[in-house]
Amino acid sequence: MPSQGHLVCGVRCKNEQEVRELYLKLGVDMQKVDVSNPIELYEATADKIDMIPTQISILERITGKSRQDLEKLIGLGNDDAEISPMEFEPIGDIEEIGHSYPQEYVFGVRLTGRYCPEVLDFDPEKRNPSTGWLLGAGGAPCKIDYNSLGIVLEIIRKKIPEAEIYITDLFH
C-alpha cells in the first residue's frame, strides 16, 4: 500500500498531558479515555467532536455553494457521499511510517482526502467524465490558493485557536 501526503489542520502536542488538555478544551470528557494509543484515542472520541458544521462553513465560503447543497454532497450516513465528512482525529502513522506518538502527530482534521475530497481538494465543477465522481482526492492535482488557506484557518481557529496547517504522509 502506498503513502500519500495530506494537508491537515490542527495542533501538535509534545506529550500525552497536552493531548488530554486539548481534548478537554474541545469539550470531551477524558476520564475514561486512554490517550497513550492513537487508535484507542480515535475510537473513544470520534463521535464526540462534531466538525461537519465547521467543514460546511469552510466550503460555503470557498465554493459559494449553499449549506443544503453541501450537506447533500457530504451524504451524512448514506452511500452517495461525494465529500468525506470532516473528523477531528490523531493524524499520523505509528506503524508503517514510524511517526513518534504523540510528538509527530497532528491532532486535528484532514483538509485533503484519499477517495473523496474533504475541503481544499473539493471543486464542485470538476468531475471525472467517465464516472461522474468529483475529482480532487486520491492524489489528483488540485489548486490551493492562499485565500482558501486563510478561510480554513479563520474558521477552524474559532474551535481550535492554536491550529496551524501541516502536511504529513499517511500509509494506506
N, C-alpha and C. Protein backbone atom coordinates (compact mmCIF):
# COMPACT_ATOMS: atom_id res chain seq x y z
N MET A 1 0.84 -1.18 0.00
CA MET A 1 0.00 0.00 0.00
C MET A 1 0.89 1.24 0.00
N PRO A 2 0.45 2.29 -0.69
CA PRO A 2 1.27 3.49 -0.82
C PRO A 2 1.06 4.49 0.31
N SER A 3 2.02 5.39 0.41
CA SER A 3 1.81 6.52 1.32
C SER A 3 1.30 7.68 0.48
N GLN A 4 0.63 8.60 1.14
CA GLN A 4 0.07 9.76 0.46
C GLN A 4 0.21 10.96 1.37
N GLY A 5 0.62 12.08 0.81
CA GLY A 5 0.70 13.32 1.58
C GLY A 5 -0.67 13.93 1.76
N HIS A 6 -0.95 14.42 2.93
CA HIS A 6 -2.22 15.08 3.23
C HIS A 6 -1.95 16.44 3.86
N LEU A 7 -2.74 17.43 3.46
CA LEU A 7 -2.76 18.69 4.19
C LEU A 7 -3.72 18.51 5.34
N VAL A 8 -3.28 18.92 6.53
CA VAL A 8 -4.09 18.77 7.73
C VAL A 8 -4.04 20.07 8.52
N CYS A 9 -5.02 20.27 9.36
CA CYS A 9 -5.06 21.47 10.20
C CYS A 9 -5.32 21.03 11.63
N GLY A 10 -4.47 21.46 12.53
CA GLY A 10 -4.64 21.06 13.91
C GLY A 10 -3.51 21.52 14.78
N VAL A 11 -3.24 20.74 15.81
CA VAL A 11 -2.29 21.10 16.86
C VAL A 11 -1.31 19.96 17.05
N ARG A 12 -0.06 20.28 17.26
CA ARG A 12 0.94 19.28 17.62
C ARG A 12 1.06 19.30 19.15
N CYS A 13 1.18 18.14 19.74
CA CYS A 13 1.30 18.01 21.19
C CYS A 13 2.62 17.35 21.53
N LYS A 14 3.30 17.85 22.56
CA LYS A 14 4.60 17.30 22.95
C LYS A 14 4.48 16.03 23.78
N ASN A 15 3.36 15.89 24.50
CA ASN A 15 3.22 14.74 25.39
C ASN A 15 1.74 14.41 25.59
N GLU A 16 1.49 13.33 26.29
CA GLU A 16 0.11 12.86 26.48
C GLU A 16 -0.72 13.84 27.30
N GLN A 17 -0.10 14.57 28.22
CA GLN A 17 -0.84 15.56 29.00
C GLN A 17 -1.38 16.67 28.10
N GLU A 18 -0.59 17.11 27.15
CA GLU A 18 -1.06 18.13 26.21
C GLU A 18 -2.20 17.60 25.34
N VAL A 19 -2.13 16.31 24.97
CA VAL A 19 -3.22 15.69 24.20
C VAL A 19 -4.50 15.73 25.02
N ARG A 20 -4.41 15.31 26.26
CA ARG A 20 -5.56 15.29 27.17
C ARG A 20 -6.15 16.71 27.32
N GLU A 21 -5.28 17.70 27.53
CA GLU A 21 -5.75 19.08 27.70
C GLU A 21 -6.44 19.61 26.44
N LEU A 22 -5.92 19.26 25.26
CA LEU A 22 -6.53 19.68 24.01
C LEU A 22 -7.95 19.13 23.89
N TYR A 23 -8.12 17.84 24.13
CA TYR A 23 -9.44 17.24 24.02
C TYR A 23 -10.39 17.79 25.08
N LEU A 24 -9.88 18.09 26.27
CA LEU A 24 -10.72 18.71 27.30
C LEU A 24 -11.22 20.09 26.85
N LYS A 25 -10.32 20.88 26.22
CA LYS A 25 -10.72 22.20 25.70
C LYS A 25 -11.83 22.07 24.66
N LEU A 26 -11.84 20.94 23.94
CA LEU A 26 -12.85 20.72 22.91
C LEU A 26 -14.12 20.10 23.48
N GLY A 27 -14.17 19.97 24.81
CA GLY A 27 -15.39 19.52 25.46
C GLY A 27 -15.54 18.02 25.60
N VAL A 28 -14.47 17.27 25.43
CA VAL A 28 -14.55 15.82 25.54
C VAL A 28 -14.22 15.39 26.97
N ASP A 29 -15.10 14.58 27.55
CA ASP A 29 -14.86 14.01 28.88
C ASP A 29 -13.76 12.96 28.75
N MET A 30 -12.61 13.23 29.31
CA MET A 30 -11.44 12.37 29.13
C MET A 30 -11.19 11.41 30.29
N GLN A 31 -12.13 11.28 31.22
CA GLN A 31 -11.90 10.45 32.40
C GLN A 31 -11.58 8.99 32.06
N LYS A 32 -12.27 8.44 31.07
CA LYS A 32 -12.07 7.02 30.75
C LYS A 32 -11.38 6.81 29.42
N VAL A 33 -10.68 7.82 28.93
CA VAL A 33 -10.05 7.74 27.62
C VAL A 33 -8.54 7.54 27.78
N ASP A 34 -8.03 6.51 27.09
CA ASP A 34 -6.59 6.23 27.09
C ASP A 34 -5.94 7.05 25.99
N VAL A 35 -5.14 8.05 26.36
CA VAL A 35 -4.50 8.90 25.36
C VAL A 35 -3.15 8.36 24.92
N SER A 36 -2.71 7.23 25.47
CA SER A 36 -1.40 6.70 25.14
C SER A 36 -1.37 5.95 23.81
N ASN A 37 -2.53 5.67 23.23
CA ASN A 37 -2.61 4.92 21.98
C ASN A 37 -3.49 5.70 21.00
N PRO A 38 -2.96 6.09 19.82
CA PRO A 38 -3.75 6.92 18.91
C PRO A 38 -5.01 6.24 18.38
N ILE A 39 -4.97 4.93 18.20
CA ILE A 39 -6.15 4.22 17.70
C ILE A 39 -7.24 4.19 18.75
N GLU A 40 -6.87 3.89 19.99
CA GLU A 40 -7.85 3.88 21.08
C GLU A 40 -8.40 5.29 21.33
N LEU A 41 -7.54 6.30 21.22
CA LEU A 41 -7.98 7.68 21.39
C LEU A 41 -9.02 8.03 20.33
N TYR A 42 -8.74 7.68 19.09
CA TYR A 42 -9.69 7.95 18.00
C TYR A 42 -11.02 7.24 18.25
N GLU A 43 -10.96 5.96 18.55
CA GLU A 43 -12.19 5.19 18.76
C GLU A 43 -13.02 5.73 19.91
N ALA A 44 -12.37 6.23 20.96
CA ALA A 44 -13.09 6.74 22.12
C ALA A 44 -13.65 8.14 21.91
N THR A 45 -13.13 8.88 20.93
CA THR A 45 -13.53 10.28 20.80
C THR A 45 -14.11 10.65 19.44
N ALA A 46 -14.15 9.73 18.48
CA ALA A 46 -14.54 10.05 17.09
C ALA A 46 -15.90 10.72 16.99
N ASP A 47 -16.84 10.30 17.79
CA ASP A 47 -18.19 10.87 17.70
C ASP A 47 -18.43 11.99 18.71
N LYS A 48 -17.40 12.43 19.39
CA LYS A 48 -17.56 13.44 20.45
C LYS A 48 -17.33 14.89 19.97
N ILE A 49 -16.63 15.05 18.85
CA ILE A 49 -16.31 16.39 18.35
C ILE A 49 -16.89 16.51 16.94
N ASP A 50 -17.97 17.25 16.81
CA ASP A 50 -18.66 17.38 15.52
C ASP A 50 -17.99 18.48 14.69
N MET A 51 -17.27 18.08 13.65
CA MET A 51 -16.58 19.03 12.79
C MET A 51 -17.33 19.31 11.48
N ILE A 52 -18.43 18.62 11.25
CA ILE A 52 -19.15 18.81 9.98
C ILE A 52 -19.69 20.23 9.82
N PRO A 53 -20.27 20.87 10.86
CA PRO A 53 -20.67 22.28 10.68
C PRO A 53 -19.49 23.18 10.31
N THR A 54 -18.32 22.89 10.86
CA THR A 54 -17.12 23.66 10.53
C THR A 54 -16.75 23.43 9.07
N GLN A 55 -16.78 22.17 8.64
CA GLN A 55 -16.48 21.82 7.25
C GLN A 55 -17.43 22.54 6.29
N ILE A 56 -18.71 22.52 6.61
CA ILE A 56 -19.70 23.16 5.74
C ILE A 56 -19.47 24.67 5.69
N SER A 57 -19.16 25.28 6.83
CA SER A 57 -18.89 26.72 6.85
C SER A 57 -17.70 27.08 5.96
N ILE A 58 -16.66 26.26 6.01
CA ILE A 58 -15.48 26.49 5.17
C ILE A 58 -15.87 26.36 3.69
N LEU A 59 -16.54 25.26 3.35
CA LEU A 59 -16.89 25.02 1.95
C LEU A 59 -17.86 26.07 1.40
N GLU A 60 -18.77 26.55 2.25
CA GLU A 60 -19.68 27.63 1.81
C GLU A 60 -18.87 28.85 1.37
N ARG A 61 -17.88 29.22 2.17
CA ARG A 61 -17.09 30.41 1.86
C ARG A 61 -16.17 30.19 0.67
N ILE A 62 -15.57 29.00 0.56
CA ILE A 62 -14.62 28.74 -0.52
C ILE A 62 -15.33 28.56 -1.86
N THR A 63 -16.46 27.84 -1.86
CA THR A 63 -17.11 27.46 -3.13
C THR A 63 -18.31 28.31 -3.50
N GLY A 64 -18.92 28.97 -2.51
CA GLY A 64 -20.15 29.71 -2.78
C GLY A 64 -21.38 28.82 -2.86
N LYS A 65 -21.21 27.51 -2.63
CA LYS A 65 -22.35 26.58 -2.63
C LYS A 65 -23.18 26.78 -1.37
N SER A 66 -24.45 26.42 -1.45
CA SER A 66 -25.34 26.57 -0.29
C SER A 66 -25.08 25.47 0.73
N ARG A 67 -25.44 25.75 1.96
CA ARG A 67 -25.33 24.78 3.04
C ARG A 67 -26.10 23.50 2.69
N GLN A 68 -27.29 23.64 2.13
CA GLN A 68 -28.12 22.49 1.79
C GLN A 68 -27.45 21.63 0.71
N ASP A 69 -26.89 22.27 -0.32
CA ASP A 69 -26.20 21.51 -1.37
C ASP A 69 -24.99 20.77 -0.80
N LEU A 70 -24.26 21.42 0.08
CA LEU A 70 -23.07 20.79 0.67
C LEU A 70 -23.45 19.63 1.57
N GLU A 71 -24.53 19.77 2.33
CA GLU A 71 -24.99 18.66 3.19
C GLU A 71 -25.32 17.44 2.34
N LYS A 72 -25.91 17.64 1.17
CA LYS A 72 -26.23 16.53 0.27
C LYS A 72 -24.96 15.87 -0.26
N LEU A 73 -23.95 16.69 -0.60
CA LEU A 73 -22.70 16.14 -1.12
C LEU A 73 -21.92 15.37 -0.06
N ILE A 74 -22.00 15.83 1.19
CA ILE A 74 -21.31 15.11 2.27
C ILE A 74 -22.01 13.78 2.52
N GLY A 75 -23.31 13.71 2.28
CA GLY A 75 -24.01 12.45 2.33
C GLY A 75 -24.50 12.05 3.70
N LEU A 76 -23.82 12.43 4.74
CA LEU A 76 -24.21 12.17 6.13
C LEU A 76 -25.01 10.89 6.32
N GLY A 77 -24.31 9.77 6.22
CA GLY A 77 -24.93 8.49 6.54
C GLY A 77 -25.45 7.70 5.36
N ASN A 78 -25.22 8.16 4.15
CA ASN A 78 -25.64 7.33 3.02
C ASN A 78 -24.45 7.07 2.11
N ASP A 79 -24.65 6.14 1.18
CA ASP A 79 -23.56 5.73 0.30
C ASP A 79 -23.32 6.67 -0.86
N ASP A 80 -24.11 7.73 -0.99
CA ASP A 80 -23.95 8.66 -2.09
C ASP A 80 -23.01 9.81 -1.78
N ALA A 81 -22.31 9.73 -0.67
CA ALA A 81 -21.42 10.82 -0.27
C ALA A 81 -20.36 11.05 -1.32
N GLU A 82 -20.14 12.32 -1.64
CA GLU A 82 -19.08 12.68 -2.58
C GLU A 82 -17.98 13.47 -1.89
N ILE A 83 -18.22 13.90 -0.67
CA ILE A 83 -17.22 14.60 0.13
C ILE A 83 -17.10 13.82 1.44
N SER A 84 -15.87 13.54 1.88
CA SER A 84 -15.68 12.86 3.15
C SER A 84 -16.04 13.79 4.30
N PRO A 85 -16.82 13.33 5.28
CA PRO A 85 -17.12 14.18 6.43
C PRO A 85 -15.84 14.47 7.23
N MET A 86 -15.70 15.70 7.66
CA MET A 86 -14.52 16.11 8.42
C MET A 86 -14.60 15.50 9.83
N GLU A 87 -13.49 14.92 10.26
CA GLU A 87 -13.41 14.34 11.61
C GLU A 87 -12.19 14.90 12.32
N PHE A 88 -12.32 15.15 13.61
CA PHE A 88 -11.19 15.51 14.45
C PHE A 88 -10.55 14.21 14.89
N GLU A 89 -9.25 14.07 14.67
CA GLU A 89 -8.59 12.79 14.97
C GLU A 89 -7.09 12.97 15.18
N PRO A 90 -6.45 11.98 15.78
CA PRO A 90 -4.99 11.98 15.80
C PRO A 90 -4.50 11.56 14.41
N ILE A 91 -3.76 12.43 13.72
CA ILE A 91 -3.35 12.15 12.35
C ILE A 91 -1.86 11.86 12.33
N GLY A 92 -1.54 10.64 11.98
CA GLY A 92 -0.16 10.18 11.90
C GLY A 92 -0.17 8.69 11.64
N ASP A 93 1.01 8.10 11.54
CA ASP A 93 1.11 6.68 11.24
C ASP A 93 2.27 6.09 12.02
N ILE A 94 1.94 5.50 13.15
CA ILE A 94 2.96 4.95 14.04
C ILE A 94 3.52 3.63 13.51
N GLU A 95 2.69 2.86 12.81
CA GLU A 95 3.08 1.50 12.41
C GLU A 95 3.90 1.47 11.13
N GLU A 96 3.41 2.05 10.04
CA GLU A 96 4.07 1.93 8.74
C GLU A 96 5.13 3.00 8.50
N ILE A 97 4.83 4.24 8.85
CA ILE A 97 5.79 5.32 8.59
C ILE A 97 6.69 5.54 9.81
N GLY A 98 6.19 5.23 10.99
CA GLY A 98 7.00 5.34 12.19
C GLY A 98 6.96 6.69 12.87
N HIS A 99 5.85 7.43 12.69
CA HIS A 99 5.72 8.70 13.41
C HIS A 99 5.76 8.44 14.91
N SER A 100 6.49 9.26 15.63
CA SER A 100 6.51 9.16 17.10
C SER A 100 5.18 9.70 17.62
N TYR A 101 4.59 8.98 18.57
CA TYR A 101 3.33 9.41 19.16
C TYR A 101 3.58 9.93 20.57
N PRO A 102 3.08 11.07 20.91
CA PRO A 102 2.24 11.98 20.15
C PRO A 102 3.00 13.08 19.41
N GLN A 103 4.33 13.13 19.56
CA GLN A 103 5.11 14.28 19.09
C GLN A 103 5.01 14.55 17.59
N GLU A 104 4.93 13.53 16.75
CA GLU A 104 4.89 13.73 15.30
C GLU A 104 3.49 13.61 14.72
N TYR A 105 2.50 13.54 15.56
CA TYR A 105 1.11 13.50 15.11
C TYR A 105 0.55 14.92 15.10
N VAL A 106 -0.47 15.12 14.27
CA VAL A 106 -1.25 16.36 14.31
C VAL A 106 -2.63 15.96 14.81
N PHE A 107 -3.10 16.66 15.81
CA PHE A 107 -4.44 16.40 16.35
C PHE A 107 -5.36 17.43 15.72
N GLY A 108 -6.15 16.97 14.76
CA GLY A 108 -6.97 17.91 14.02
C GLY A 108 -7.77 17.25 12.93
N VAL A 109 -7.85 17.92 11.77
CA VAL A 109 -8.69 17.46 10.67
C VAL A 109 -7.88 17.40 9.38
N ARG A 110 -8.29 16.48 8.51
CA ARG A 110 -7.68 16.40 7.18
C ARG A 110 -8.33 17.44 6.28
N LEU A 111 -7.53 18.08 5.48
CA LEU A 111 -8.04 19.06 4.52
C LEU A 111 -8.07 18.49 3.11
N THR A 112 -7.43 17.34 2.92
CA THR A 112 -7.45 16.63 1.65
C THR A 112 -7.78 15.18 1.92
N GLY A 113 -8.40 14.52 0.94
CA GLY A 113 -8.86 13.15 1.15
C GLY A 113 -8.15 12.13 0.30
N ARG A 114 -8.51 10.87 0.53
CA ARG A 114 -7.94 9.79 -0.26
C ARG A 114 -8.87 9.39 -1.40
N TYR A 115 -10.09 9.03 -1.08
CA TYR A 115 -11.05 8.59 -2.09
C TYR A 115 -12.05 9.67 -2.45
N CYS A 116 -12.43 10.47 -1.49
CA CYS A 116 -13.37 11.58 -1.72
C CYS A 116 -12.70 12.86 -1.23
N PRO A 117 -13.01 13.99 -1.89
CA PRO A 117 -12.46 15.25 -1.39
C PRO A 117 -12.94 15.55 0.03
N GLU A 118 -12.16 16.34 0.76
CA GLU A 118 -12.54 16.73 2.11
C GLU A 118 -12.86 18.23 2.18
N VAL A 119 -11.87 19.07 1.94
CA VAL A 119 -12.10 20.52 2.00
C VAL A 119 -11.36 21.20 0.85
N LEU A 120 -10.05 21.26 0.94
CA LEU A 120 -9.27 22.02 -0.04
C LEU A 120 -9.20 21.34 -1.41
N ASP A 121 -9.46 20.05 -1.47
CA ASP A 121 -9.43 19.35 -2.75
C ASP A 121 -10.81 19.21 -3.37
N PHE A 122 -11.80 19.94 -2.85
CA PHE A 122 -13.16 19.90 -3.37
C PHE A 122 -13.36 21.00 -4.40
N ASP A 123 -13.73 20.60 -5.60
CA ASP A 123 -14.10 21.56 -6.64
C ASP A 123 -15.38 21.04 -7.28
N PRO A 124 -16.51 21.66 -6.99
CA PRO A 124 -17.80 21.15 -7.45
C PRO A 124 -17.94 21.13 -8.97
N GLU A 125 -17.06 21.82 -9.68
CA GLU A 125 -17.16 21.89 -11.14
C GLU A 125 -16.34 20.82 -11.84
N LYS A 126 -15.48 20.12 -11.13
CA LYS A 126 -14.59 19.14 -11.78
C LYS A 126 -15.03 17.72 -11.45
N ARG A 127 -15.45 17.01 -12.48
CA ARG A 127 -15.89 15.63 -12.33
C ARG A 127 -15.18 14.75 -13.35
N ASN A 128 -15.00 13.50 -12.98
CA ASN A 128 -14.44 12.51 -13.89
C ASN A 128 -15.46 12.27 -15.00
N PRO A 129 -15.08 12.48 -16.26
CA PRO A 129 -16.06 12.34 -17.34
C PRO A 129 -16.62 10.93 -17.49
N SER A 130 -15.87 9.91 -17.10
CA SER A 130 -16.39 8.55 -17.27
C SER A 130 -17.23 8.07 -16.09
N THR A 131 -16.94 8.56 -14.88
CA THR A 131 -17.68 8.09 -13.70
C THR A 131 -18.66 9.12 -13.15
N GLY A 132 -18.42 10.39 -13.42
CA GLY A 132 -19.25 11.44 -12.86
C GLY A 132 -18.86 11.85 -11.45
N TRP A 133 -17.87 11.15 -10.85
CA TRP A 133 -17.45 11.47 -9.49
C TRP A 133 -16.61 12.73 -9.45
N LEU A 134 -16.65 13.40 -8.33
CA LEU A 134 -15.84 14.60 -8.13
C LEU A 134 -14.36 14.25 -8.21
N LEU A 135 -13.58 15.11 -8.83
CA LEU A 135 -12.13 14.95 -8.86
C LEU A 135 -11.52 15.68 -7.68
N GLY A 136 -10.28 15.37 -7.38
CA GLY A 136 -9.55 16.11 -6.35
C GLY A 136 -8.89 15.22 -5.34
N ALA A 137 -9.57 14.18 -4.89
CA ALA A 137 -8.99 13.31 -3.87
C ALA A 137 -8.10 12.26 -4.52
N GLY A 138 -7.37 11.55 -3.69
CA GLY A 138 -6.58 10.43 -4.17
C GLY A 138 -5.39 10.81 -5.01
N GLY A 139 -4.86 11.98 -4.78
CA GLY A 139 -3.65 12.37 -5.48
C GLY A 139 -3.90 13.14 -6.76
N ALA A 140 -5.14 13.34 -7.16
CA ALA A 140 -5.41 14.15 -8.35
C ALA A 140 -4.99 15.59 -8.06
N PRO A 141 -4.41 16.28 -9.04
CA PRO A 141 -3.97 17.65 -8.79
C PRO A 141 -5.13 18.56 -8.41
N CYS A 142 -4.90 19.41 -7.46
CA CYS A 142 -5.90 20.41 -7.10
C CYS A 142 -5.17 21.70 -6.73
N LYS A 143 -5.75 22.80 -7.11
CA LYS A 143 -5.16 24.11 -6.84
C LYS A 143 -5.59 24.58 -5.46
N ILE A 144 -4.63 25.03 -4.68
CA ILE A 144 -4.93 25.56 -3.35
C ILE A 144 -4.38 26.98 -3.30
N ASP A 145 -5.27 27.93 -3.03
CA ASP A 145 -4.82 29.31 -3.00
C ASP A 145 -4.74 29.81 -1.56
N TYR A 146 -4.02 30.92 -1.39
CA TYR A 146 -3.82 31.49 -0.06
C TYR A 146 -5.13 31.93 0.58
N ASN A 147 -6.06 32.42 -0.22
CA ASN A 147 -7.35 32.84 0.30
C ASN A 147 -8.06 31.66 0.97
N SER A 148 -8.05 30.50 0.30
CA SER A 148 -8.70 29.31 0.87
C SER A 148 -8.03 28.87 2.17
N LEU A 149 -6.69 28.91 2.20
CA LEU A 149 -5.98 28.55 3.42
C LEU A 149 -6.35 29.51 4.56
N GLY A 150 -6.47 30.78 4.24
CA GLY A 150 -6.86 31.77 5.26
C GLY A 150 -8.25 31.52 5.80
N ILE A 151 -9.18 31.15 4.91
CA ILE A 151 -10.55 30.84 5.34
C ILE A 151 -10.55 29.61 6.25
N VAL A 152 -9.79 28.59 5.86
CA VAL A 152 -9.70 27.37 6.69
C VAL A 152 -9.21 27.73 8.09
N LEU A 153 -8.11 28.46 8.17
CA LEU A 153 -7.57 28.82 9.49
C LEU A 153 -8.54 29.69 10.28
N GLU A 154 -9.14 30.66 9.64
CA GLU A 154 -10.07 31.55 10.34
C GLU A 154 -11.21 30.75 10.97
N ILE A 155 -11.80 29.85 10.22
CA ILE A 155 -12.97 29.11 10.72
C ILE A 155 -12.56 28.03 11.72
N ILE A 156 -11.51 27.29 11.44
CA ILE A 156 -11.09 26.24 12.38
C ILE A 156 -10.58 26.84 13.68
N ARG A 157 -9.93 27.99 13.62
CA ARG A 157 -9.42 28.62 14.85
C ARG A 157 -10.54 29.11 15.77
N LYS A 158 -11.75 29.22 15.28
CA LYS A 158 -12.87 29.53 16.17
C LYS A 158 -13.11 28.37 17.13
N LYS A 159 -12.79 27.17 16.69
CA LYS A 159 -12.98 25.98 17.51
C LYS A 159 -11.66 25.55 18.17
N ILE A 160 -10.55 25.70 17.43
CA ILE A 160 -9.23 25.29 17.92
C ILE A 160 -8.27 26.47 17.70
N PRO A 161 -8.21 27.41 18.65
CA PRO A 161 -7.47 28.66 18.44
C PRO A 161 -6.00 28.49 18.05
N GLU A 162 -5.34 27.42 18.51
CA GLU A 162 -3.92 27.28 18.23
C GLU A 162 -3.63 26.45 16.98
N ALA A 163 -4.64 26.18 16.15
CA ALA A 163 -4.50 25.34 14.96
C ALA A 163 -3.57 25.97 13.92
N GLU A 164 -2.80 25.13 13.27
CA GLU A 164 -1.91 25.50 12.16
C GLU A 164 -2.12 24.49 11.04
N ILE A 165 -1.59 24.77 9.86
CA ILE A 165 -1.69 23.85 8.73
C ILE A 165 -0.37 23.12 8.56
N TYR A 166 -0.46 21.80 8.38
CA TYR A 166 0.71 20.94 8.23
C TYR A 166 0.50 20.03 7.02
N ILE A 167 1.59 19.44 6.55
CA ILE A 167 1.49 18.35 5.59
C ILE A 167 2.12 17.13 6.24
N THR A 168 1.49 15.98 6.06
CA THR A 168 2.02 14.75 6.64
C THR A 168 1.74 13.59 5.70
N ASP A 169 2.57 12.56 5.76
CA ASP A 169 2.34 11.36 4.98
C ASP A 169 1.58 10.34 5.81
N LEU A 170 0.65 9.66 5.16
CA LEU A 170 -0.07 8.55 5.79
C LEU A 170 0.04 7.36 4.87
N PHE A 171 0.16 6.18 5.42
CA PHE A 171 0.28 4.94 4.67
C PHE A 171 -1.11 4.33 4.54
N HIS A 172 -1.52 4.04 3.33
CA HIS A 172 -2.87 3.48 3.11
C HIS A 172 -2.79 2.04 2.68
